[in-house]
Amino acid sequence: MAQHGPEPGTILNESGVPTEPRQAATVIVVRGGADRLELLMAQRTPKARFMGGAWVFPGGAVDAHEGTGDAAHRAAAVREVSEEVGITLPDPAALVPFARWITPPEVSIRFDTYFFIAVAPEGAEIEIDGQEIVDARWFEPGRALEGAEAGELLMVFPTIKNLERIARFKSADALVEWASAREVRPVQPRVEGQGEAARIVLDDEDDV
C-alpha cells in the first residue's frame, strides 16, 4: 500500500456527495529512441492555487469544444503540449495510452485524467508559456524521482507513481513498445484522515 500527502491546494469534500470528475489529458513526452530514455516535465507556477510549484507532465482539462471520448482526450493532450511547452505533436492518433487516474471521491476538485505517451518530434525545442508553466526540462526518470525524494522537485502522487513505472525501462522505444501492448485500467486512490493528517492511499499498486 502506497501513501502520499495530498496535492498542494487540495480541498477535501465535506458534503459527502462526490463531485463529478472533469475530463483531462496528460502527455508524457519522451525521447532517446533505442539508446536512452528521457521525458519532459514542466513546473507549474508557484502562484497557482492548485498544485502550485509542482513538476508535472504537460496536460490539462478537456475543453467543451473538443467533444467527448477518446478523440477529445487526444485533442486536449496535443493542445496542452503546444500551449504549455511549445512542442507540436503532429498526430493525435499516434499517442499511446499509458495510464488513467481518477481523483479520490473525498476531494472536492476532481479529474479523470488520461495519460498518453508521445515521442518528441525530431529537433523539438521547449518554449514555456511563462504563465501557467514557469520551467520545463528533460529528465531521466530515475533522476526526477531522486529530485522528488530529496525535496528538490515538488511532485504529486500520480506523477511519482507513473515515474516509478517508467523508470523500469532503459529506452524510449522499450517504454512505447510495452505501453502499446498494455490494457489501461483506471486507478482511483482514496483519502484517509483529515487536515494535515490526510493521506492519499493506493491499496493496489498492480493497477498503476
N, C-alpha and C. Protein backbone atom coordinates (compact mmCIF):
# COMPACT_ATOMS: atom_id res chain seq x y z
N MET A 1 0.85 -1.20 0.00
CA MET A 1 0.00 0.00 0.00
C MET A 1 0.88 1.24 0.00
N ALA A 2 0.65 2.16 -0.94
CA ALA A 2 1.42 3.39 -1.05
C ALA A 2 0.64 4.56 -0.46
N GLN A 3 1.36 5.51 0.16
CA GLN A 3 0.72 6.68 0.74
C GLN A 3 1.51 7.93 0.36
N HIS A 4 0.81 9.06 0.33
CA HIS A 4 1.45 10.33 -0.01
C HIS A 4 0.53 11.44 0.47
N GLY A 5 1.11 12.59 0.74
CA GLY A 5 0.29 13.73 1.12
C GLY A 5 -0.53 14.25 -0.06
N PRO A 6 -1.67 14.91 0.20
CA PRO A 6 -2.49 15.46 -0.88
C PRO A 6 -1.74 16.52 -1.68
N GLU A 7 -2.20 16.76 -2.93
CA GLU A 7 -1.60 17.80 -3.76
C GLU A 7 -1.75 19.16 -3.09
N PRO A 8 -0.77 20.08 -3.29
CA PRO A 8 -0.92 21.42 -2.76
C PRO A 8 -2.21 22.09 -3.25
N GLY A 9 -2.96 22.65 -2.33
CA GLY A 9 -4.22 23.31 -2.69
C GLY A 9 -5.43 22.40 -2.66
N THR A 10 -5.23 21.12 -2.28
CA THR A 10 -6.35 20.18 -2.23
C THR A 10 -7.36 20.58 -1.16
N ILE A 11 -8.63 20.55 -1.52
CA ILE A 11 -9.72 20.82 -0.56
C ILE A 11 -10.56 19.56 -0.46
N LEU A 12 -10.70 19.04 0.75
CA LEU A 12 -11.49 17.83 0.94
C LEU A 12 -12.98 18.15 0.90
N ASN A 13 -13.73 17.22 0.37
CA ASN A 13 -15.17 17.37 0.20
C ASN A 13 -15.88 17.09 1.53
N GLU A 14 -16.53 18.10 2.07
CA GLU A 14 -17.20 17.94 3.36
C GLU A 14 -18.67 17.58 3.21
N SER A 15 -19.20 17.64 2.00
CA SER A 15 -20.62 17.37 1.81
C SER A 15 -20.94 15.89 1.83
N GLY A 16 -19.95 15.07 1.53
CA GLY A 16 -20.17 13.63 1.48
C GLY A 16 -20.68 13.14 0.14
N VAL A 17 -21.04 14.08 -0.75
CA VAL A 17 -21.52 13.72 -2.09
C VAL A 17 -20.37 13.94 -3.08
N PRO A 18 -19.84 12.89 -3.71
CA PRO A 18 -18.69 13.05 -4.61
C PRO A 18 -18.98 14.00 -5.77
N THR A 19 -17.99 14.84 -6.09
CA THR A 19 -18.07 15.72 -7.24
C THR A 19 -17.79 14.92 -8.52
N GLU A 20 -18.50 15.24 -9.59
CA GLU A 20 -18.25 14.58 -10.87
C GLU A 20 -16.87 15.00 -11.39
N PRO A 21 -16.00 14.04 -11.70
CA PRO A 21 -14.65 14.40 -12.17
C PRO A 21 -14.70 15.09 -13.54
N ARG A 22 -13.84 16.08 -13.71
CA ARG A 22 -13.70 16.74 -15.00
C ARG A 22 -12.72 15.94 -15.86
N GLN A 23 -13.03 15.78 -17.14
CA GLN A 23 -12.16 15.03 -18.04
C GLN A 23 -10.89 15.83 -18.34
N ALA A 24 -9.75 15.12 -18.33
CA ALA A 24 -8.45 15.77 -18.56
C ALA A 24 -7.52 14.81 -19.28
N ALA A 25 -6.44 15.38 -19.82
CA ALA A 25 -5.45 14.58 -20.55
C ALA A 25 -4.06 15.10 -20.24
N THR A 26 -3.12 14.18 -20.13
CA THR A 26 -1.73 14.50 -19.83
C THR A 26 -0.83 13.72 -20.78
N VAL A 27 0.31 14.32 -21.14
CA VAL A 27 1.21 13.66 -22.09
C VAL A 27 2.61 13.51 -21.49
N ILE A 28 3.11 12.29 -21.54
CA ILE A 28 4.49 12.01 -21.17
C ILE A 28 5.28 12.01 -22.48
N VAL A 29 5.92 13.14 -22.75
CA VAL A 29 6.70 13.28 -23.98
C VAL A 29 8.08 12.68 -23.74
N VAL A 30 8.49 11.75 -24.60
CA VAL A 30 9.76 11.04 -24.39
C VAL A 30 10.68 11.21 -25.60
N ARG A 31 11.95 10.97 -25.36
CA ARG A 31 12.94 10.95 -26.43
C ARG A 31 14.05 9.99 -26.04
N GLY A 32 14.86 9.63 -27.02
CA GLY A 32 16.00 8.75 -26.75
C GLY A 32 16.05 7.51 -27.61
N GLY A 33 14.94 7.19 -28.30
CA GLY A 33 14.93 6.03 -29.20
C GLY A 33 15.30 4.74 -28.49
N ALA A 34 16.18 3.97 -29.10
CA ALA A 34 16.60 2.69 -28.54
C ALA A 34 17.80 2.83 -27.60
N ASP A 35 18.32 4.06 -27.48
CA ASP A 35 19.57 4.26 -26.73
C ASP A 35 19.37 4.70 -25.29
N ARG A 36 18.33 5.49 -25.04
CA ARG A 36 18.15 6.04 -23.70
C ARG A 36 16.69 6.44 -23.52
N LEU A 37 16.36 6.92 -22.34
CA LEU A 37 15.00 7.38 -22.05
C LEU A 37 15.05 8.68 -21.26
N GLU A 38 14.53 9.71 -21.88
CA GLU A 38 14.34 10.99 -21.21
C GLU A 38 12.89 11.41 -21.41
N LEU A 39 12.36 12.12 -20.41
CA LEU A 39 10.99 12.60 -20.52
C LEU A 39 10.91 14.06 -20.11
N LEU A 40 9.90 14.71 -20.62
CA LEU A 40 9.74 16.14 -20.41
C LEU A 40 8.81 16.41 -19.23
N MET A 41 9.29 17.22 -18.29
CA MET A 41 8.47 17.64 -17.17
C MET A 41 8.44 19.15 -17.10
N ALA A 42 7.32 19.67 -16.64
CA ALA A 42 7.11 21.12 -16.58
C ALA A 42 6.74 21.53 -15.16
N GLN A 43 7.20 22.71 -14.75
CA GLN A 43 6.88 23.21 -13.41
C GLN A 43 5.74 24.22 -13.47
N ARG A 44 4.67 23.93 -12.75
CA ARG A 44 3.56 24.87 -12.65
C ARG A 44 3.97 26.09 -11.84
N THR A 45 3.40 27.23 -12.18
CA THR A 45 3.74 28.45 -11.46
C THR A 45 3.42 28.31 -9.98
N PRO A 46 4.32 28.76 -9.11
CA PRO A 46 4.05 28.70 -7.67
C PRO A 46 2.83 29.54 -7.27
N LYS A 47 2.39 30.45 -8.15
CA LYS A 47 1.24 31.30 -7.85
C LYS A 47 -0.09 30.54 -7.98
N ALA A 48 -0.07 29.37 -8.63
CA ALA A 48 -1.30 28.63 -8.85
C ALA A 48 -1.87 28.14 -7.51
N ARG A 49 -3.18 28.26 -7.36
CA ARG A 49 -3.83 27.83 -6.12
C ARG A 49 -3.77 26.32 -5.96
N PHE A 50 -3.88 25.61 -7.08
CA PHE A 50 -3.88 24.15 -7.05
C PHE A 50 -2.60 23.63 -7.65
N MET A 51 -1.86 22.83 -6.91
CA MET A 51 -0.61 22.22 -7.37
C MET A 51 0.44 23.26 -7.74
N GLY A 52 0.43 24.39 -7.05
CA GLY A 52 1.39 25.44 -7.32
C GLY A 52 2.83 24.98 -7.10
N GLY A 53 3.69 25.21 -8.09
CA GLY A 53 5.10 24.86 -7.99
C GLY A 53 5.43 23.40 -8.30
N ALA A 54 4.42 22.58 -8.52
CA ALA A 54 4.66 21.15 -8.74
C ALA A 54 5.23 20.89 -10.14
N TRP A 55 6.09 19.88 -10.22
CA TRP A 55 6.61 19.40 -11.50
C TRP A 55 5.67 18.31 -12.01
N VAL A 56 5.17 18.49 -13.21
CA VAL A 56 4.15 17.60 -13.76
C VAL A 56 4.47 17.30 -15.23
N PHE A 57 3.72 16.39 -15.81
CA PHE A 57 3.75 16.21 -17.26
C PHE A 57 2.77 17.21 -17.87
N PRO A 58 3.06 17.77 -19.04
CA PRO A 58 2.15 18.74 -19.65
C PRO A 58 0.75 18.15 -19.81
N GLY A 59 -0.26 18.98 -19.53
CA GLY A 59 -1.63 18.49 -19.66
C GLY A 59 -2.63 19.44 -19.04
N GLY A 60 -3.89 19.08 -19.15
CA GLY A 60 -4.95 19.91 -18.58
C GLY A 60 -6.32 19.37 -18.92
N ALA A 61 -7.33 20.14 -18.58
CA ALA A 61 -8.71 19.71 -18.76
C ALA A 61 -9.12 19.74 -20.23
N VAL A 62 -10.05 18.86 -20.58
CA VAL A 62 -10.63 18.84 -21.92
C VAL A 62 -11.59 20.02 -22.06
N ASP A 63 -11.46 20.78 -23.13
CA ASP A 63 -12.37 21.90 -23.39
C ASP A 63 -13.68 21.39 -23.99
N ALA A 64 -14.75 22.13 -23.75
CA ALA A 64 -16.07 21.70 -24.22
C ALA A 64 -16.10 21.50 -25.73
N HIS A 65 -15.42 22.38 -26.48
CA HIS A 65 -15.46 22.28 -27.94
C HIS A 65 -14.73 21.05 -28.47
N GLU A 66 -13.93 20.41 -27.61
CA GLU A 66 -13.18 19.23 -28.06
C GLU A 66 -14.01 17.95 -28.01
N GLY A 67 -15.23 18.04 -27.48
CA GLY A 67 -16.14 16.91 -27.50
C GLY A 67 -15.95 15.98 -26.33
N THR A 68 -16.20 14.70 -26.57
CA THR A 68 -16.10 13.69 -25.53
C THR A 68 -15.38 12.46 -26.06
N GLY A 69 -15.05 11.55 -25.15
CA GLY A 69 -14.44 10.29 -25.55
C GLY A 69 -12.97 10.38 -25.88
N ASP A 70 -12.46 9.33 -26.50
CA ASP A 70 -11.04 9.21 -26.78
C ASP A 70 -10.51 10.34 -27.66
N ALA A 71 -11.26 10.70 -28.68
CA ALA A 71 -10.82 11.77 -29.59
C ALA A 71 -10.65 13.09 -28.85
N ALA A 72 -11.54 13.36 -27.90
CA ALA A 72 -11.46 14.60 -27.12
C ALA A 72 -10.22 14.61 -26.23
N HIS A 73 -9.93 13.48 -25.60
CA HIS A 73 -8.74 13.41 -24.76
C HIS A 73 -7.47 13.60 -25.59
N ARG A 74 -7.43 13.01 -26.76
CA ARG A 74 -6.26 13.16 -27.62
C ARG A 74 -6.11 14.61 -28.11
N ALA A 75 -7.21 15.23 -28.45
CA ALA A 75 -7.17 16.63 -28.90
C ALA A 75 -6.67 17.54 -27.78
N ALA A 76 -7.18 17.32 -26.59
CA ALA A 76 -6.75 18.12 -25.44
C ALA A 76 -5.28 17.90 -25.13
N ALA A 77 -4.84 16.66 -25.24
CA ALA A 77 -3.45 16.33 -24.98
C ALA A 77 -2.50 17.10 -25.91
N VAL A 78 -2.81 17.06 -27.21
CA VAL A 78 -1.98 17.75 -28.20
C VAL A 78 -2.00 19.27 -27.96
N ARG A 79 -3.19 19.80 -27.67
CA ARG A 79 -3.32 21.24 -27.43
C ARG A 79 -2.51 21.68 -26.22
N GLU A 80 -2.60 20.94 -25.13
CA GLU A 80 -1.92 21.33 -23.90
C GLU A 80 -0.40 21.30 -24.06
N VAL A 81 0.13 20.32 -24.77
CA VAL A 81 1.57 20.26 -25.00
C VAL A 81 2.02 21.47 -25.80
N SER A 82 1.24 21.85 -26.80
CA SER A 82 1.58 23.03 -27.60
C SER A 82 1.52 24.31 -26.77
N GLU A 83 0.46 24.44 -25.96
CA GLU A 83 0.29 25.66 -25.18
C GLU A 83 1.32 25.80 -24.07
N GLU A 84 1.65 24.70 -23.40
CA GLU A 84 2.48 24.80 -22.21
C GLU A 84 3.98 24.75 -22.49
N VAL A 85 4.40 23.93 -23.45
CA VAL A 85 5.84 23.78 -23.69
C VAL A 85 6.24 24.02 -25.14
N GLY A 86 5.30 24.45 -25.98
CA GLY A 86 5.62 24.87 -27.33
C GLY A 86 6.03 23.76 -28.29
N ILE A 87 5.67 22.52 -27.98
CA ILE A 87 6.00 21.41 -28.86
C ILE A 87 4.75 20.94 -29.59
N THR A 88 4.84 20.85 -30.90
CA THR A 88 3.71 20.42 -31.73
C THR A 88 3.78 18.92 -31.96
N LEU A 89 2.78 18.20 -31.46
CA LEU A 89 2.68 16.77 -31.71
C LEU A 89 1.82 16.59 -32.97
N PRO A 90 2.37 16.07 -34.05
CA PRO A 90 1.69 16.13 -35.34
C PRO A 90 0.48 15.21 -35.49
N ASP A 91 0.39 14.14 -34.71
CA ASP A 91 -0.66 13.16 -34.95
C ASP A 91 -1.28 12.69 -33.64
N PRO A 92 -2.47 13.18 -33.29
CA PRO A 92 -3.13 12.73 -32.05
C PRO A 92 -3.32 11.22 -32.02
N ALA A 93 -3.51 10.61 -33.19
CA ALA A 93 -3.73 9.16 -33.23
C ALA A 93 -2.49 8.37 -32.83
N ALA A 94 -1.31 9.03 -32.86
CA ALA A 94 -0.07 8.34 -32.51
C ALA A 94 0.18 8.31 -31.00
N LEU A 95 -0.63 9.02 -30.24
CA LEU A 95 -0.48 8.99 -28.79
C LEU A 95 -0.76 7.58 -28.27
N VAL A 96 0.06 7.13 -27.36
CA VAL A 96 -0.08 5.78 -26.81
C VAL A 96 -0.66 5.86 -25.40
N PRO A 97 -1.83 5.28 -25.14
CA PRO A 97 -2.39 5.29 -23.79
C PRO A 97 -1.44 4.63 -22.80
N PHE A 98 -1.28 5.27 -21.64
CA PHE A 98 -0.34 4.76 -20.64
C PHE A 98 -1.00 4.52 -19.28
N ALA A 99 -1.87 5.44 -18.85
CA ALA A 99 -2.48 5.30 -17.53
C ALA A 99 -3.74 6.15 -17.47
N ARG A 100 -4.54 5.90 -16.44
CA ARG A 100 -5.73 6.70 -16.18
C ARG A 100 -5.90 6.82 -14.67
N TRP A 101 -5.90 8.05 -14.19
CA TRP A 101 -6.03 8.31 -12.76
C TRP A 101 -7.28 9.14 -12.49
N ILE A 102 -8.05 8.73 -11.50
CA ILE A 102 -9.26 9.46 -11.10
C ILE A 102 -9.06 9.97 -9.68
N THR A 103 -9.26 11.27 -9.49
CA THR A 103 -9.09 11.88 -8.17
C THR A 103 -10.00 11.20 -7.14
N PRO A 104 -9.50 10.99 -5.93
CA PRO A 104 -10.33 10.34 -4.90
C PRO A 104 -11.67 11.05 -4.69
N PRO A 105 -12.74 10.31 -4.39
CA PRO A 105 -14.05 10.92 -4.18
C PRO A 105 -14.11 11.84 -2.97
N GLU A 106 -13.13 11.71 -2.08
CA GLU A 106 -13.12 12.56 -0.88
C GLU A 106 -12.62 13.98 -1.17
N VAL A 107 -12.13 14.23 -2.39
CA VAL A 107 -11.59 15.53 -2.77
C VAL A 107 -12.65 16.32 -3.54
N SER A 108 -12.72 17.63 -3.31
CA SER A 108 -13.79 18.44 -3.92
C SER A 108 -13.54 18.73 -5.40
N ILE A 109 -12.28 19.00 -5.79
CA ILE A 109 -11.95 19.26 -7.19
C ILE A 109 -11.36 17.98 -7.76
N ARG A 110 -12.09 17.36 -8.71
CA ARG A 110 -11.69 16.04 -9.19
C ARG A 110 -11.45 16.04 -10.70
N PHE A 111 -10.53 15.18 -11.12
CA PHE A 111 -10.25 15.00 -12.54
C PHE A 111 -10.19 13.51 -12.87
N ASP A 112 -10.64 13.19 -14.06
CA ASP A 112 -10.49 11.85 -14.63
C ASP A 112 -9.47 12.02 -15.75
N THR A 113 -8.21 11.72 -15.45
CA THR A 113 -7.10 12.08 -16.32
C THR A 113 -6.54 10.89 -17.07
N TYR A 114 -6.50 11.02 -18.39
CA TYR A 114 -5.91 10.01 -19.26
C TYR A 114 -4.47 10.42 -19.57
N PHE A 115 -3.52 9.53 -19.30
CA PHE A 115 -2.12 9.77 -19.57
C PHE A 115 -1.73 9.08 -20.88
N PHE A 116 -1.06 9.83 -21.74
CA PHE A 116 -0.58 9.29 -23.01
C PHE A 116 0.94 9.42 -23.08
N ILE A 117 1.55 8.57 -23.89
CA ILE A 117 2.97 8.70 -24.22
C ILE A 117 3.07 9.21 -25.65
N ALA A 118 3.98 10.17 -25.87
CA ALA A 118 4.23 10.68 -27.21
C ALA A 118 5.73 10.79 -27.43
N VAL A 119 6.20 10.37 -28.57
CA VAL A 119 7.61 10.53 -28.92
C VAL A 119 7.81 11.95 -29.42
N ALA A 120 8.79 12.64 -28.85
CA ALA A 120 9.05 14.03 -29.24
C ALA A 120 9.47 14.10 -30.71
N PRO A 121 8.94 15.06 -31.45
CA PRO A 121 9.37 15.25 -32.84
C PRO A 121 10.87 15.55 -32.90
N GLU A 122 11.50 15.13 -33.96
CA GLU A 122 12.93 15.38 -34.14
C GLU A 122 13.24 16.87 -34.04
N GLY A 123 14.20 17.22 -33.20
CA GLY A 123 14.61 18.61 -33.06
C GLY A 123 13.67 19.49 -32.27
N ALA A 124 12.71 18.90 -31.58
CA ALA A 124 11.74 19.70 -30.81
C ALA A 124 12.44 20.53 -29.74
N GLU A 125 12.06 21.78 -29.64
CA GLU A 125 12.63 22.68 -28.64
C GLU A 125 11.53 23.17 -27.71
N ILE A 126 11.87 23.30 -26.44
CA ILE A 126 10.91 23.72 -25.42
C ILE A 126 10.72 25.24 -25.47
N GLU A 127 9.47 25.65 -25.44
CA GLU A 127 9.13 27.07 -25.30
C GLU A 127 8.02 27.17 -24.25
N ILE A 128 8.39 27.52 -23.02
CA ILE A 128 7.40 27.57 -21.95
C ILE A 128 6.51 28.80 -22.10
N ASP A 129 5.26 28.66 -21.61
CA ASP A 129 4.33 29.78 -21.77
C ASP A 129 4.62 30.91 -20.78
N GLY A 130 5.35 30.64 -19.69
CA GLY A 130 5.72 31.68 -18.74
C GLY A 130 4.61 32.12 -17.82
N GLN A 131 3.44 31.55 -17.98
CA GLN A 131 2.31 31.93 -17.12
C GLN A 131 1.89 30.73 -16.26
N GLU A 132 1.24 29.77 -16.89
CA GLU A 132 0.88 28.56 -16.15
C GLU A 132 2.11 27.71 -15.86
N ILE A 133 3.05 27.68 -16.81
CA ILE A 133 4.28 26.91 -16.70
C ILE A 133 5.46 27.88 -16.64
N VAL A 134 6.35 27.69 -15.65
CA VAL A 134 7.48 28.61 -15.48
C VAL A 134 8.83 27.96 -15.78
N ASP A 135 8.85 26.64 -15.92
CA ASP A 135 10.10 25.95 -16.25
C ASP A 135 9.74 24.60 -16.88
N ALA A 136 10.64 24.07 -17.68
CA ALA A 136 10.45 22.75 -18.27
C ALA A 136 11.81 22.18 -18.63
N ARG A 137 11.99 20.88 -18.35
CA ARG A 137 13.29 20.26 -18.59
C ARG A 137 13.11 18.79 -18.96
N TRP A 138 14.15 18.25 -19.61
CA TRP A 138 14.21 16.83 -19.89
C TRP A 138 14.88 16.12 -18.72
N PHE A 139 14.30 15.04 -18.26
CA PHE A 139 14.84 14.27 -17.14
C PHE A 139 14.96 12.80 -17.51
N GLU A 140 15.97 12.14 -16.99
CA GLU A 140 15.94 10.69 -16.89
C GLU A 140 14.96 10.37 -15.77
N PRO A 141 14.10 9.35 -15.90
CA PRO A 141 13.09 9.08 -14.87
C PRO A 141 13.68 8.91 -13.47
N GLY A 142 14.79 8.19 -13.37
CA GLY A 142 15.41 7.97 -12.07
C GLY A 142 15.88 9.28 -11.44
N ARG A 143 16.42 10.18 -12.26
CA ARG A 143 16.88 11.48 -11.75
C ARG A 143 15.70 12.31 -11.24
N ALA A 144 14.58 12.27 -11.95
CA ALA A 144 13.39 13.00 -11.49
C ALA A 144 12.91 12.47 -10.14
N LEU A 145 12.91 11.15 -9.99
CA LEU A 145 12.49 10.55 -8.72
C LEU A 145 13.45 10.92 -7.60
N GLU A 146 14.74 10.95 -7.89
CA GLU A 146 15.73 11.35 -6.89
C GLU A 146 15.49 12.79 -6.44
N GLY A 147 15.16 13.66 -7.41
CA GLY A 147 14.89 15.05 -7.07
C GLY A 147 13.66 15.20 -6.19
N ALA A 148 12.65 14.37 -6.46
CA ALA A 148 11.43 14.42 -5.64
C ALA A 148 11.72 13.92 -4.23
N GLU A 149 12.47 12.84 -4.12
CA GLU A 149 12.78 12.27 -2.82
C GLU A 149 13.63 13.22 -1.98
N ALA A 150 14.52 13.95 -2.65
CA ALA A 150 15.40 14.88 -1.93
C ALA A 150 14.73 16.20 -1.61
N GLY A 151 13.50 16.38 -2.11
CA GLY A 151 12.80 17.64 -1.88
C GLY A 151 13.20 18.76 -2.82
N GLU A 152 13.97 18.42 -3.86
CA GLU A 152 14.38 19.43 -4.84
C GLU A 152 13.27 19.72 -5.85
N LEU A 153 12.45 18.71 -6.14
CA LEU A 153 11.37 18.83 -7.12
C LEU A 153 10.06 18.45 -6.43
N LEU A 154 9.13 19.39 -6.35
CA LEU A 154 7.82 19.11 -5.77
C LEU A 154 7.00 18.30 -6.76
N MET A 155 6.55 17.12 -6.34
CA MET A 155 5.75 16.27 -7.22
C MET A 155 4.55 15.72 -6.47
N VAL A 156 3.49 15.44 -7.21
CA VAL A 156 2.27 14.90 -6.62
C VAL A 156 2.24 13.38 -6.83
N PHE A 157 1.35 12.73 -6.11
CA PHE A 157 1.31 11.28 -6.03
C PHE A 157 1.22 10.58 -7.39
N PRO A 158 0.27 10.93 -8.28
CA PRO A 158 0.20 10.24 -9.58
C PRO A 158 1.48 10.38 -10.40
N THR A 159 2.10 11.56 -10.34
CA THR A 159 3.35 11.77 -11.09
C THR A 159 4.43 10.83 -10.59
N ILE A 160 4.57 10.73 -9.28
CA ILE A 160 5.59 9.85 -8.70
C ILE A 160 5.35 8.39 -9.08
N LYS A 161 4.10 7.94 -8.95
CA LYS A 161 3.81 6.54 -9.25
C LYS A 161 4.03 6.23 -10.73
N ASN A 162 3.68 7.15 -11.61
CA ASN A 162 3.92 6.93 -13.04
C ASN A 162 5.42 6.93 -13.35
N LEU A 163 6.16 7.81 -12.70
CA LEU A 163 7.61 7.82 -12.89
C LEU A 163 8.25 6.52 -12.43
N GLU A 164 7.76 5.97 -11.33
CA GLU A 164 8.30 4.71 -10.84
C GLU A 164 8.13 3.60 -11.88
N ARG A 165 6.99 3.58 -12.54
CA ARG A 165 6.77 2.57 -13.58
C ARG A 165 7.65 2.84 -14.80
N ILE A 166 7.73 4.08 -15.21
CA ILE A 166 8.54 4.44 -16.38
C ILE A 166 10.01 4.12 -16.16
N ALA A 167 10.48 4.30 -14.92
CA ALA A 167 11.90 4.11 -14.61
C ALA A 167 12.35 2.67 -14.79
N ARG A 168 11.44 1.73 -14.95
CA ARG A 168 11.81 0.34 -15.17
C ARG A 168 12.40 0.11 -16.57
N PHE A 169 12.19 1.07 -17.46
CA PHE A 169 12.59 0.88 -18.86
C PHE A 169 13.89 1.62 -19.15
N LYS A 170 14.72 1.02 -20.00
CA LYS A 170 16.03 1.57 -20.30
C LYS A 170 16.03 2.49 -21.52
N SER A 171 14.97 2.41 -22.33
CA SER A 171 14.94 3.24 -23.54
C SER A 171 13.51 3.70 -23.83
N ALA A 172 13.42 4.78 -24.60
CA ALA A 172 12.10 5.28 -25.00
C ALA A 172 11.38 4.24 -25.85
N ASP A 173 12.10 3.58 -26.74
CA ASP A 173 11.48 2.57 -27.61
C ASP A 173 10.87 1.44 -26.78
N ALA A 174 11.60 0.98 -25.76
CA ALA A 174 11.10 -0.12 -24.92
C ALA A 174 9.84 0.29 -24.18
N LEU A 175 9.80 1.52 -23.69
CA LEU A 175 8.61 2.02 -22.98
C LEU A 175 7.41 2.07 -23.91
N VAL A 176 7.60 2.62 -25.10
CA VAL A 176 6.49 2.75 -26.05
C VAL A 176 5.99 1.37 -26.48
N GLU A 177 6.91 0.45 -26.70
CA GLU A 177 6.51 -0.90 -27.11
C GLU A 177 5.68 -1.57 -26.01
N TRP A 178 6.10 -1.44 -24.77
CA TRP A 178 5.36 -2.04 -23.66
C TRP A 178 3.98 -1.41 -23.51
N ALA A 179 3.92 -0.07 -23.56
CA ALA A 179 2.64 0.62 -23.39
C ALA A 179 1.67 0.31 -24.53
N SER A 180 2.19 0.09 -25.72
CA SER A 180 1.34 -0.17 -26.88
C SER A 180 0.59 -1.49 -26.76
N ALA A 181 1.13 -2.41 -25.96
CA ALA A 181 0.51 -3.72 -25.81
C ALA A 181 -0.25 -3.87 -24.49
N ARG A 182 -0.37 -2.78 -23.74
CA ARG A 182 -0.94 -2.85 -22.39
C ARG A 182 -2.38 -2.36 -22.38
N GLU A 183 -3.20 -3.03 -21.58
CA GLU A 183 -4.57 -2.56 -21.35
C GLU A 183 -4.57 -1.63 -20.14
N VAL A 184 -5.02 -0.41 -20.35
CA VAL A 184 -5.03 0.59 -19.27
C VAL A 184 -6.27 0.41 -18.40
N ARG A 185 -6.06 0.33 -17.10
CA ARG A 185 -7.16 0.24 -16.15
C ARG A 185 -7.16 1.47 -15.25
N PRO A 186 -8.33 2.00 -14.93
CA PRO A 186 -8.37 3.21 -14.10
C PRO A 186 -7.84 2.97 -12.69
N VAL A 187 -7.14 3.97 -12.18
CA VAL A 187 -6.61 3.93 -10.82
C VAL A 187 -7.31 5.03 -10.02
N GLN A 188 -7.91 4.68 -8.89
CA GLN A 188 -8.57 5.68 -8.05
C GLN A 188 -8.13 5.48 -6.60
N PRO A 189 -7.20 6.31 -6.14
CA PRO A 189 -6.80 6.24 -4.73
C PRO A 189 -7.94 6.72 -3.83
N ARG A 190 -7.72 6.68 -2.54
CA ARG A 190 -8.68 7.20 -1.57
C ARG A 190 -7.94 8.07 -0.57
N VAL A 191 -8.69 8.81 0.24
CA VAL A 191 -8.10 9.69 1.24
C VAL A 191 -8.40 9.13 2.63
N GLU A 192 -7.37 9.07 3.45
CA GLU A 192 -7.54 8.71 4.86
C GLU A 192 -7.17 9.90 5.72
N GLY A 193 -7.96 10.17 6.75
CA GLY A 193 -7.65 11.24 7.69
C GLY A 193 -8.19 12.59 7.24
N GLN A 194 -7.96 13.59 8.08
CA GLN A 194 -8.43 14.95 7.83
C GLN A 194 -7.30 15.94 8.08
N GLY A 195 -7.45 17.14 7.51
CA GLY A 195 -6.50 18.21 7.76
C GLY A 195 -5.08 17.83 7.38
N GLU A 196 -4.11 18.22 8.25
CA GLU A 196 -2.71 17.96 7.98
C GLU A 196 -2.38 16.47 8.03
N ALA A 197 -3.26 15.69 8.66
CA ALA A 197 -3.02 14.24 8.77
C ALA A 197 -3.55 13.47 7.56
N ALA A 198 -4.23 14.15 6.63
CA ALA A 198 -4.81 13.47 5.48
C ALA A 198 -3.72 12.87 4.60
N ARG A 199 -3.97 11.66 4.11
CA ARG A 199 -3.03 10.97 3.23
C ARG A 199 -3.77 10.38 2.05
N ILE A 200 -3.14 10.45 0.87
CA ILE A 200 -3.65 9.77 -0.30
C ILE A 200 -3.15 8.33 -0.24
N VAL A 201 -4.06 7.37 -0.35
CA VAL A 201 -3.70 5.97 -0.18
C VAL A 201 -4.06 5.18 -1.43
N LEU A 202 -3.13 4.37 -1.89
CA LEU A 202 -3.36 3.49 -3.03
C LEU A 202 -3.20 2.05 -2.53
N ASP A 203 -4.29 1.31 -2.56
CA ASP A 203 -4.28 -0.04 -2.00
C ASP A 203 -3.63 -1.06 -2.92
N ASP A 204 -3.91 -0.96 -4.22
CA ASP A 204 -3.42 -1.98 -5.16
C ASP A 204 -2.52 -1.33 -6.19
N GLU A 205 -1.21 -1.47 -6.00
CA GLU A 205 -0.26 -0.85 -6.92
C GLU A 205 -0.11 -1.64 -8.23
N ASP A 206 -0.69 -2.82 -8.29
CA ASP A 206 -0.59 -3.60 -9.51
C ASP A 206 -1.32 -2.92 -10.67
N ASP A 207 -2.30 -2.05 -10.36
CA ASP A 207 -3.07 -1.38 -11.40
C ASP A 207 -2.33 -0.17 -11.97
N VAL A 208 -1.28 0.28 -11.30
CA VAL A 208 -0.60 1.52 -11.70
C VAL A 208 0.23 1.28 -12.96
